[in-house]
Amino acid sequence: MADKLIDPVVCKKEPAKVKIGPGEYKWCGCGLSKTQPFCDGSHEGTGFGPETITLAEERELPLCQCKRTKMPPLCDGTHEKL
């Protein structure tokens, strides 16, 4: 079990531009996942959890990797200020 985090871990200071098909996905909100930008369960015990992305059709999305976005799971440019 991971220690409780004060802030999520910054993975990269740029969005992950991913093309994903219809379905449900979990975006990593803690920054510890080995399968960035998606959740692998590493958040357990950190105080952070994933955000669910549900798509009806294929889309390309800019997913936040700095974990500081105000629009999770989408990048809002916050990484440019880090």
C-alpha atoms as a PDB file:
ATOM      1  CA  MET A   1       0.000   0.000   0.000  1.00  0.00           C
ATOM      2  CA  ALA A   2       1.374   3.430  -1.001  1.00  0.00           C
ATOM      3  CA  ASP A   3       1.731   6.279   1.486  1.00  0.00           C
ATOM      4  CA  LYS A   4      -0.882   9.020   1.341  1.00  0.00           C
ATOM      5  CA  LEU A   5       0.237  11.672  -1.154  1.00  0.00           C
ATOM      6  CA  ILE A   6      -0.069  15.422  -0.596  1.00  0.00           C
ATOM      7  CA  ASP A   7      -0.010  16.103  -4.350  1.00  0.00           C
ATOM      8  CA  PRO A   8      -0.229  13.677  -7.266  1.00  0.00           C
ATOM      9  CA  VAL A   9       3.043  12.745  -8.997  1.00  0.00           C
ATOM     10  CA  VAL A  10       3.819  14.704 -12.197  1.00  0.00           C
ATOM     11  CA  CYS A  11       4.434  12.127 -14.939  1.00  0.00           C
ATOM     12  CA  LYS A  12       5.122  14.506 -17.809  1.00  0.00           C
ATOM     13  CA  LYS A  13       4.625  18.195 -18.486  1.00  0.00           C
ATOM     14  CA  GLU A  14       2.635  17.550 -21.650  1.00  0.00           C
ATOM     15  CA  PRO A  15      -0.661  15.843 -22.443  1.00  0.00           C
ATOM     16  CA  ALA A  16      -0.884  12.276 -23.706  1.00  0.00           C
ATOM     17  CA  LYS A  17      -2.739  12.471 -27.000  1.00  0.00           C
ATOM     18  CA  VAL A  18      -4.539   9.149 -27.163  1.00  0.00           C
ATOM     19  CA  LYS A  19      -7.007   7.721 -29.659  1.00  0.00           C
ATOM     20  CA  ILE A  20      -9.409   5.386 -27.879  1.00  0.00           C
ATOM     21  CA  GLY A  21     -12.511   3.568 -29.003  1.00  0.00           C
ATOM     22  CA  PRO A  22     -15.935   3.172 -27.447  1.00  0.00           C
ATOM     23  CA  GLY A  23     -15.921   1.893 -23.882  1.00  0.00           C
ATOM     24  CA  GLU A  24     -14.988   2.800 -20.338  1.00  0.00           C
ATOM     25  CA  TYR A  25     -11.476   3.772 -19.278  1.00  0.00           C
ATOM     26  CA  LYS A  26      -9.895   4.846 -15.992  1.00  0.00           C
ATOM     27  CA  TRP A  27      -7.527   7.835 -16.090  1.00  0.00           C
ATOM     28  CA  CYS A  28      -4.758   7.821 -13.474  1.00  0.00           C
ATOM     29  CA  GLY A  29      -5.196  10.698 -11.017  1.00  0.00           C
ATOM     30  CA  CYS A  30      -2.316   9.866  -8.653  1.00  0.00           C
ATOM     31  CA  GLY A  31       0.551   9.761 -11.156  1.00  0.00           C
ATOM     32  CA  LEU A  32       1.899   6.415  -9.905  1.00  0.00           C
ATOM     33  CA  SER A  33       0.454   4.124 -12.589  1.00  0.00           C
ATOM     34  CA  LYS A  34       2.930   2.243 -14.790  1.00  0.00           C
ATOM     35  CA  THR A  35       0.342   2.386 -17.617  1.00  0.00           C
ATOM     36  CA  GLN A  36       0.084   6.196 -17.928  1.00  0.00           C
ATOM     37  CA  PRO A  37      -2.192   7.939 -18.604  1.00  0.00           C
ATOM     38  CA  PHE A  38      -4.458   5.080 -17.518  1.00  0.00           C
ATOM     39  CA  CYS A  39      -4.951   3.654 -14.018  1.00  0.00           C
ATOM     40  CA  ASP A  40      -3.342   0.380 -12.958  1.00  0.00           C
ATOM     41  CA  GLY A  41      -4.545   0.496  -9.318  1.00  0.00           C
ATOM     42  CA  SER A  42      -1.331   2.038  -7.919  1.00  0.00           C
ATOM     43  CA  HIS A  43      -3.401   4.771  -6.226  1.00  0.00           C
ATOM     44  CA  GLU A  44      -4.498   2.390  -3.463  1.00  0.00           C
ATOM     45  CA  GLY A  45      -3.945   4.165  -0.138  1.00  0.00           C
ATOM     46  CA  THR A  46      -2.742   7.467  -1.657  1.00  0.00           C
ATOM     47  CA  GLY A  47      -5.921   9.490  -1.207  1.00  0.00           C
ATOM     48  CA  PHE A  48      -6.219   9.887  -4.990  1.00  0.00           C
ATOM     49  CA  GLY A  49      -8.314   7.855  -7.371  1.00  0.00           C
ATOM     50  CA  PRO A  50      -8.999   7.480 -11.077  1.00  0.00           C
ATOM     51  CA  GLU A  51     -11.477   9.399 -13.208  1.00  0.00           C
ATOM     52  CA  THR A  52     -13.781   7.370 -15.451  1.00  0.00           C
ATOM     53  CA  ILE A  53     -13.880   8.165 -19.170  1.00  0.00           C
ATOM     54  CA  THR A  54     -16.912   6.757 -21.018  1.00  0.00           C
ATOM     55  CA  LEU A  55     -16.996   7.035 -24.806  1.00  0.00           C
ATOM     56  CA  ALA A  56     -19.748   6.096 -27.245  1.00  0.00           C
ATOM     57  CA  GLU A  57     -17.445   6.467 -30.259  1.00  0.00           C
ATOM     58  CA  GLU A  58     -13.731   6.613 -31.049  1.00  0.00           C
ATOM     59  CA  ARG A  59     -12.076   9.913 -30.109  1.00  0.00           C
ATOM     60  CA  GLU A  60      -8.646  11.433 -29.748  1.00  0.00           C
ATOM     61  CA  LEU A  61      -8.244  13.041 -26.337  1.00  0.00           C
ATOM     62  CA  PRO A  62      -5.482  15.139 -24.713  1.00  0.00           C
ATOM     63  CA  LEU A  63      -5.217  13.407 -21.326  1.00  0.00           C
ATOM     64  CA  CYS A  64      -3.431  15.247 -18.516  1.00  0.00           C
ATOM     65  CA  GLN A  65      -0.126  13.780 -17.352  1.00  0.00           C
ATOM     66  CA  CYS A  66       0.900  16.505 -14.887  1.00  0.00           C
ATOM     67  CA  LYS A  67      -2.155  15.543 -12.784  1.00  0.00           C
ATOM     68  CA  ARG A  68      -2.861  19.207 -11.923  1.00  0.00           C
ATOM     69  CA  THR A  69      -5.623  19.900 -14.492  1.00  0.00           C
ATOM     70  CA  LYS A  70      -8.826  21.559 -13.313  1.00  0.00           C
ATOM     71  CA  MET A  71     -10.724  19.514 -15.968  1.00  0.00           C
ATOM     72  CA  PRO A  72      -9.736  15.905 -15.212  1.00  0.00           C
ATOM     73  CA  PRO A  73      -8.991  13.830 -17.166  1.00  0.00           C
ATOM     74  CA  LEU A  74      -8.451  16.412 -19.937  1.00  0.00           C
ATOM     75  CA  CYS A  75      -5.379  18.629 -20.173  1.00  0.00           C
ATOM     76  CA  ASP A  76      -6.125  22.298 -19.482  1.00  0.00           C
ATOM     77  CA  GLY A  77      -2.569  23.610 -19.990  1.00  0.00           C
ATOM     78  CA  THR A  78      -1.676  23.737 -16.283  1.00  0.00           C
ATOM     79  CA  HIS A  79       1.582  21.867 -17.057  1.00  0.00           C
ATOM     80  CA  GLU A  80       2.889  25.032 -18.738  1.00  0.00           C
ATOM     81  CA  LYS A  81       2.948  26.752 -15.309  1.00  0.00           C
ATOM     82  CA  LEU A  82       4.857  24.012 -13.461  1.00  0.00           C
END
